[in-house]
């Protein structure tokens, strides 16, 4: 899986714009949380389609970006959390044990 790191709030506009051409996933990860580590590991073991971009946010180092994501995409903050953007809107979000690649692929319609 090829992760695209999110390190600036401005990248959120780029991700949103890209969602009109290709579904965008944002994975919010807490590096100190065992559930988050398990979700990341399970996520990375799954077959990631090339038809979706996967963006990664280190929640502990970029808390301000996490808050901006919640506000910009109108989702409740959780960790770990996956957010799927398509055609400029959040079409799916899930957290904790509900994070599954096959569900993301189904929701993305790819």
Foldseek 3Di string as FASTA:
>chain_A
DDEAEDDDLVVVVVQLVCQAVAKEKEWEAAPVDPLRVVLVVQAVVDDADPRYHYYYYHCVVCVVSQVSCCVLQVHDDDPGKMFIHHNRHTQDMDHGPVRDRVVNCVSRVD
